[in-house]
Amino acid sequence: MIITMSLTQQTRRLLHSHGLFPKKRFGQHFLTDSTLLQRMISYAEVNVQDVVLEVGAGLGSLTHLLSQRGKQVVTVEIDAKLVLLLRERFHDVKNIEFIEGDILKVAVPRFNKVVSTPPYFISSHLLFWLLSRPFDSAVLTFQKEFAERLAAPVGTKEYGRLTVTTYYRADVELLDYVPKTAFYPPPDVDSLVVRLKPKPTPPFKVKDQQTFFQIVQTAFTQRNKKLRNAIMLFLEKRGIIKEKAQKLADSLTFHDKRVRQLAPEDFGDLTNEILEKTSLLR
């Protein structure tokens, strides 16, 4: 009789045979749902022309599947011991490149797709890192609460800086619910599979993108305040004296709305209005 081990059993056995344990400081939770791994690859429509980036390769379960479908897989793994394991495990696979280090700090070759279950604690930084680069699509497993913030409706408690900045750069789809039991060891929270597709052009025009992102970031530090009060900090950082900043803030189109009530397009209009009015003060 042939006994087939589950991916969870394989994961535990592989860790044990190499004397390894999941490290909390690296946020290591290994996805052990083989059906979900296959679906993630399908969501990304990985084919033989694709160079796929994987962030946090872990024990290589997803890496192995990607190597069978894509032209090349670029894996970035911060845990040196796991990198040794991966290089040993896939020594005869020619289309996988292993990079040891922090994805936010190492040089990464060009890629056109991303399929990954990254550590939760780098989700925000990874998202902004990714959205500043060209790619076709990304399928990522994020903490459920974080994922919901990416596509939150205006005015909800989940709506915020992440929602607005992501909306400006990419279309977001929430595809699959992932229970904590799909991981070994299980994390404290459930997850969602998210697909990101960069927009060919932004959905609205801003005169200066850097200023737009700064306004969004500053405003959402006071999300429940009226805009006239929340925007004062940004104006004062721009070197505008308090009296003039207050007068300008009171003159803004959305001055009486609370920050959480502004749609992404409203932040675009706000940015252009502030840039125009501050230029008149110089």
Protein backbone atom coordinates (compact mmCIF):
# COMPACT_ATOMS: atom_id res chain seq x y z
CA MET A 1 0.00 0.00 0.00
CA ILE A 2 1.32 3.44 -0.99
CA ILE A 3 1.01 6.08 1.72
CA THR A 4 0.97 9.66 0.47
CA MET A 5 2.08 12.33 2.93
CA SER A 6 0.15 15.58 3.12
CA LEU A 7 2.04 18.81 2.48
CA THR A 8 1.84 19.55 6.21
CA GLN A 9 3.51 16.23 6.98
CA GLN A 10 6.15 16.86 4.31
CA THR A 11 6.82 20.30 5.77
CA ARG A 12 7.26 18.98 9.29
CA ARG A 13 9.49 16.16 8.05
CA LEU A 14 11.68 18.46 5.96
CA LEU A 15 12.17 20.85 8.87
CA HIS A 16 12.98 18.01 11.26
CA SER A 17 15.43 16.32 8.88
CA HIS A 18 17.41 19.58 8.63
CA GLY A 19 17.19 20.43 12.31
CA LEU A 20 15.13 23.56 11.61
CA PHE A 21 12.27 25.27 13.40
CA PRO A 22 9.93 28.03 12.15
CA LYS A 23 11.39 31.37 13.26
CA LYS A 24 9.03 33.97 14.71
CA ARG A 25 11.42 36.83 13.96
CA PHE A 26 11.10 36.06 10.25
CA GLY A 27 7.34 35.54 10.44
CA GLN A 28 7.68 31.97 9.16
CA HIS A 29 4.35 30.25 8.53
CA PHE A 30 4.52 27.76 5.66
CA LEU A 31 1.44 27.43 3.44
CA THR A 32 0.58 23.72 3.28
CA ASP A 33 -2.59 23.72 1.18
CA SER A 34 -1.37 22.30 -2.14
CA THR A 35 -4.68 23.03 -3.88
CA LEU A 36 -4.46 26.69 -2.89
CA LEU A 37 -0.87 26.91 -4.12
CA GLN A 38 -2.01 25.65 -7.51
CA ARG A 39 -4.88 28.15 -7.57
CA MET A 40 -2.50 31.02 -6.83
CA ILE A 41 -0.42 30.07 -9.86
CA SER A 42 -3.58 29.87 -11.96
CA TYR A 43 -4.75 33.28 -10.74
CA ALA A 44 -1.44 34.73 -11.95
CA GLU A 45 -1.76 32.86 -15.26
CA VAL A 46 1.88 31.82 -15.06
CA ASN A 47 3.24 30.53 -18.38
CA VAL A 48 6.55 29.63 -20.02
CA GLN A 49 7.29 33.25 -20.90
CA ASP A 50 7.08 34.55 -17.33
CA VAL A 51 9.82 35.48 -14.89
CA VAL A 52 8.15 35.08 -11.51
CA LEU A 53 9.27 36.69 -8.25
CA GLU A 54 8.61 34.80 -5.02
CA VAL A 55 9.18 36.62 -1.74
CA GLY A 56 9.88 34.32 1.17
CA ALA A 57 10.40 30.95 -0.50
CA GLY A 58 10.24 29.01 2.75
CA LEU A 59 10.75 25.32 2.05
CA GLY A 60 10.09 25.67 -1.66
CA SER A 61 6.61 24.15 -2.06
CA LEU A 62 5.41 27.07 -4.18
CA THR A 63 8.85 27.47 -5.76
CA HIS A 64 8.71 23.94 -7.11
CA LEU A 65 5.29 24.45 -8.71
CA LEU A 66 6.31 27.80 -10.22
CA SER A 67 9.44 26.30 -11.76
CA GLN A 68 7.25 23.81 -13.61
CA ARG A 69 5.08 26.53 -15.13
CA GLY A 70 7.26 29.61 -15.60
CA LYS A 71 10.33 30.45 -17.62
CA GLN A 72 12.29 31.43 -14.50
CA VAL A 73 11.64 31.79 -10.78
CA VAL A 74 13.47 34.40 -8.73
CA THR A 75 13.18 33.60 -5.02
CA VAL A 76 14.22 35.99 -2.28
CA GLU A 77 14.63 34.41 1.16
CA ILE A 78 16.04 36.16 4.23
CA ASP A 79 16.75 33.01 6.27
CA ALA A 80 20.26 31.80 5.40
CA LYS A 81 19.54 28.27 6.64
CA LEU A 82 16.48 27.98 4.43
CA VAL A 83 18.48 29.23 1.44
CA LEU A 84 20.98 26.39 2.03
CA LEU A 85 18.10 23.91 2.21
CA LEU A 86 16.53 25.28 -0.96
CA ARG A 87 19.79 25.16 -2.92
CA GLU A 88 20.30 21.58 -1.81
CA ARG A 89 16.71 20.59 -2.58
CA PHE A 90 16.64 22.19 -6.05
CA HIS A 91 20.30 21.81 -7.06
CA ASP A 92 19.31 20.18 -10.36
CA VAL A 93 16.57 22.67 -11.30
CA LYS A 94 18.04 25.19 -13.72
CA ASN A 95 15.33 27.84 -13.86
CA ILE A 96 15.35 28.89 -10.18
CA GLU A 97 17.54 31.73 -8.93
CA PHE A 98 17.98 31.95 -5.17
CA ILE A 99 18.75 35.33 -3.61
CA GLU A 100 19.56 35.50 0.09
CA GLY A 101 18.53 38.69 1.84
CA ASP A 102 15.82 41.22 2.61
CA ILE A 103 13.58 41.88 -0.41
CA LEU A 104 13.50 45.57 0.53
CA LYS A 105 17.29 45.85 0.42
CA VAL A 106 18.71 43.40 -2.13
CA ALA A 107 19.01 43.90 -5.88
CA VAL A 108 16.36 41.92 -7.73
CA PRO A 109 16.50 41.12 -11.47
CA ARG A 110 13.61 42.05 -13.72
CA PHE A 111 10.41 40.09 -13.29
CA ASN A 112 6.94 40.40 -14.76
CA LYS A 113 4.82 38.45 -12.27
CA VAL A 114 4.77 37.86 -8.53
CA VAL A 115 3.33 34.84 -6.74
CA SER A 116 4.08 34.70 -3.05
CA THR A 117 3.03 34.17 0.56
CA PRO A 118 5.24 36.86 2.14
CA PRO A 119 5.72 37.31 5.90
CA TYR A 120 2.89 39.40 7.33
CA PHE A 121 5.17 41.93 9.01
CA ILE A 122 6.57 43.21 5.69
CA SER A 123 3.19 43.45 3.92
CA SER A 124 2.92 47.25 3.86
CA HIS A 125 6.55 47.89 2.90
CA LEU A 126 6.44 45.12 0.30
CA LEU A 127 3.28 46.54 -1.23
CA PHE A 128 4.78 50.01 -1.70
CA TRP A 129 8.05 48.48 -2.95
CA LEU A 130 6.13 46.45 -5.50
CA LEU A 131 3.85 49.25 -6.70
CA SER A 132 6.89 51.37 -7.52
CA ARG A 133 8.08 48.76 -10.04
CA PRO A 134 6.78 47.53 -13.41
CA PHE A 135 5.04 44.15 -13.45
CA ASP A 136 2.03 42.49 -15.09
CA SER A 137 0.28 40.95 -12.11
CA ALA A 138 0.89 39.86 -8.53
CA VAL A 139 -0.91 37.18 -6.53
CA LEU A 140 -0.13 37.44 -2.84
CA THR A 141 -1.43 35.99 0.40
CA PHE A 142 -1.90 38.73 2.98
CA GLN A 143 -3.33 38.88 6.48
CA LYS A 144 -7.12 39.19 6.09
CA GLU A 145 -7.36 42.56 7.82
CA PHE A 146 -4.55 44.01 5.70
CA ALA A 147 -6.03 42.65 2.46
CA GLU A 148 -9.43 44.13 3.23
CA ARG A 149 -7.84 47.55 3.69
CA LEU A 150 -6.55 47.43 0.11
CA ALA A 151 -10.07 47.36 -1.34
CA ALA A 152 -12.09 49.02 1.42
CA PRO A 153 -15.11 51.21 0.57
CA VAL A 154 -14.82 54.94 1.32
CA GLY A 155 -15.80 55.83 4.87
CA THR A 156 -15.38 52.37 6.40
CA LYS A 157 -13.00 51.71 9.27
CA GLU A 158 -10.73 49.74 6.91
CA TYR A 159 -10.48 52.64 4.42
CA GLY A 160 -7.22 54.54 4.62
CA ARG A 161 -3.85 55.39 3.14
CA LEU A 162 -3.33 51.86 1.83
CA THR A 163 -6.66 51.97 0.01
CA VAL A 164 -6.05 55.31 -1.67
CA THR A 165 -2.44 54.73 -2.72
CA THR A 166 -3.16 51.21 -3.99
CA TYR A 167 -6.24 52.41 -5.92
CA TYR A 168 -4.11 55.06 -7.63
CA ARG A 169 -1.66 52.48 -8.94
CA ALA A 170 -3.42 49.13 -9.28
CA ASP A 171 -6.67 47.21 -9.50
CA VAL A 172 -7.22 44.93 -6.50
CA GLU A 173 -9.20 41.69 -6.32
CA LEU A 174 -9.80 39.64 -3.17
CA LEU A 175 -9.86 36.07 -4.45
CA ASP A 176 -9.64 33.41 -1.77
CA TYR A 177 -10.19 33.08 1.96
CA VAL A 178 -7.33 31.22 3.64
CA PRO A 179 -7.92 29.87 7.16
CA LYS A 180 -5.05 29.94 9.63
CA THR A 181 -5.10 26.12 9.58
CA ALA A 182 -3.75 26.20 6.00
CA PHE A 183 -0.34 27.11 7.44
CA TYR A 184 2.26 25.32 9.51
CA PRO A 185 2.60 26.54 12.15
CA PRO A 186 -0.79 28.30 12.05
CA PRO A 187 -0.63 32.10 12.50
CA ASP A 188 -2.98 33.99 14.82
CA VAL A 189 -5.09 35.34 11.95
CA ASP A 190 -6.76 34.23 8.75
CA SER A 191 -5.60 35.39 5.32
CA LEU A 192 -6.85 36.36 1.88
CA VAL A 193 -5.34 35.79 -1.55
CA VAL A 194 -5.11 39.11 -3.40
CA ARG A 195 -4.45 39.85 -7.06
CA LEU A 196 -2.92 43.18 -8.06
CA LYS A 197 -2.80 44.42 -11.63
CA PRO A 198 -1.08 47.77 -12.27
CA LYS A 199 -3.23 50.36 -14.02
CA PRO A 200 -1.74 51.45 -17.36
CA THR A 201 -2.48 55.06 -16.41
CA PRO A 202 -3.58 56.56 -13.09
CA PRO A 203 -7.38 56.90 -12.69
CA PHE A 204 -7.07 60.65 -12.13
CA LYS A 205 -4.44 63.32 -12.68
CA VAL A 206 -2.36 64.97 -10.01
CA LYS A 207 0.11 67.75 -10.65
CA ASP A 208 2.74 66.15 -8.42
CA GLN A 209 2.61 62.50 -7.31
CA GLN A 210 5.00 62.92 -4.40
CA THR A 211 2.84 65.69 -2.94
CA PHE A 212 -0.27 63.56 -3.48
CA PHE A 213 1.18 60.64 -1.52
CA GLN A 214 2.41 62.98 1.24
CA ILE A 215 -1.04 64.56 1.60
CA VAL A 216 -2.73 61.16 1.77
CA GLN A 217 -0.24 59.89 4.35
CA THR A 218 -0.48 62.99 6.54
CA ALA A 219 -4.26 63.30 6.32
CA PHE A 220 -4.91 59.71 7.39
CA THR A 221 -2.92 60.16 10.59
CA GLN A 222 -6.06 62.09 11.63
CA ARG A 223 -8.66 60.14 9.67
CA ASN A 224 -11.63 61.13 11.86
CA LYS A 225 -10.93 64.85 11.88
CA LYS A 226 -12.32 67.35 9.44
CA LEU A 227 -9.97 68.04 6.57
CA ARG A 228 -9.36 71.65 7.56
CA ASN A 229 -7.78 70.43 10.81
CA ALA A 230 -6.06 67.33 9.46
CA ILE A 231 -4.33 69.20 6.63
CA MET A 232 -2.77 71.85 8.88
CA LEU A 233 0.23 69.64 9.70
CA PHE A 234 1.00 69.17 6.01
CA LEU A 235 0.74 72.90 5.29
CA GLU A 236 2.98 73.84 8.19
CA LYS A 237 5.55 71.27 7.03
CA ARG A 238 5.54 73.11 3.71
CA GLY A 239 6.72 76.22 5.54
CA ILE A 240 3.41 78.08 5.55
CA ILE A 241 2.90 80.13 8.70
CA LYS A 242 -0.02 79.12 10.91
CA GLU A 243 -2.31 82.05 10.09
CA LYS A 244 -1.97 81.58 6.32
CA ALA A 245 -2.21 77.80 6.64
CA GLN A 246 -5.47 78.13 8.58
CA LYS A 247 -6.91 80.50 5.99
CA LEU A 248 -5.90 78.18 3.16
CA ALA A 249 -7.27 75.10 4.95
CA ASP A 250 -10.64 76.83 5.46
CA SER A 251 -10.79 77.69 1.75
CA LEU A 252 -10.35 74.11 0.50
CA THR A 253 -13.27 72.52 -1.34
CA PHE A 254 -13.49 69.57 1.05
CA HIS A 255 -12.55 71.51 4.19
CA ASP A 256 -15.66 70.46 6.14
CA LYS A 257 -15.50 66.76 5.26
CA ARG A 258 -13.83 64.21 7.49
CA VAL A 259 -10.72 62.63 6.02
CA ARG A 260 -12.25 59.14 5.88
CA GLN A 261 -15.11 60.52 3.75
CA LEU A 262 -12.86 61.62 0.88
CA ALA A 263 -12.71 59.30 -2.12
CA PRO A 264 -9.34 58.70 -3.84
CA GLU A 265 -10.35 61.11 -6.63
CA ASP A 266 -11.11 63.74 -3.97
CA PHE A 267 -7.53 63.45 -2.72
CA GLY A 268 -6.37 64.04 -6.29
CA ASP A 269 -8.48 67.20 -6.55
CA LEU A 270 -7.30 68.26 -3.09
CA THR A 271 -3.66 67.87 -4.08
CA ASN A 272 -4.08 69.99 -7.19
CA GLU A 273 -6.00 72.65 -5.26
CA ILE A 274 -3.34 72.85 -2.54
CA LEU A 275 -0.52 73.04 -5.08
CA GLU A 276 -2.29 75.86 -6.90
CA LYS A 277 -3.11 77.84 -3.78
CA THR A 278 0.30 77.39 -2.12
CA SER A 279 2.00 78.61 -5.29
CA LEU A 280 0.04 81.87 -4.96
CA LEU A 281 1.41 82.36 -1.45
CA ARG A 282 5.02 82.43 -2.62
